[in-house]
Amino acid sequence: MSAETKAAVYEEVRLERGYTRNDPLKGADRDERPLAFTGREVASYTPGGHDDTAGTNWTAYEVEDGRWVLHVEHWSRWATSGTEQVAYVFANRADLESLDREAAEDWDNPQKDYCPEGLLIAIAEFFDEDPAERL
């Protein structure tokens, strides 16, 4: 672990949660509830795509008390679509990393968010760890 990550600097973080839409026909639609905590951003991941009209951003935060927050933002530039922001709170890093794609793609499971491989790699790199999957 590098000297920079050992000397953790925590600050006040405020995340937006909920749904926003600015439909030109229906007007503004907002249903938000912010989440505030003392922590630090550890890693973020936004997969590249074929266009910039919609996407998902994932950001992982380490909370000062040891918990972790995964902030997921599903965004769209289409007028009739909106932006949905969700914040998941986990007891520790291992719990955050267990939110996997297989669970998100299970049709019998309503969970639609997961912790993507690109974010797991970015978290490992933040802590100067080998991002290789361990057996």
Foldseek 3Di string as FASTA:
>chain_A
DDPDVVPFDKDKDKAKAFKWAAAPVPGIDTDIDIDIAIWDWQFKDWDDDDDDFWGKIWTWIQGPVAKIKIWIWTQGNDRVGIIGIDIDIGNHDVVLQVQAPVQLPPPVHVHPDGQDLVRLQSNCVSVPHDSDDDD
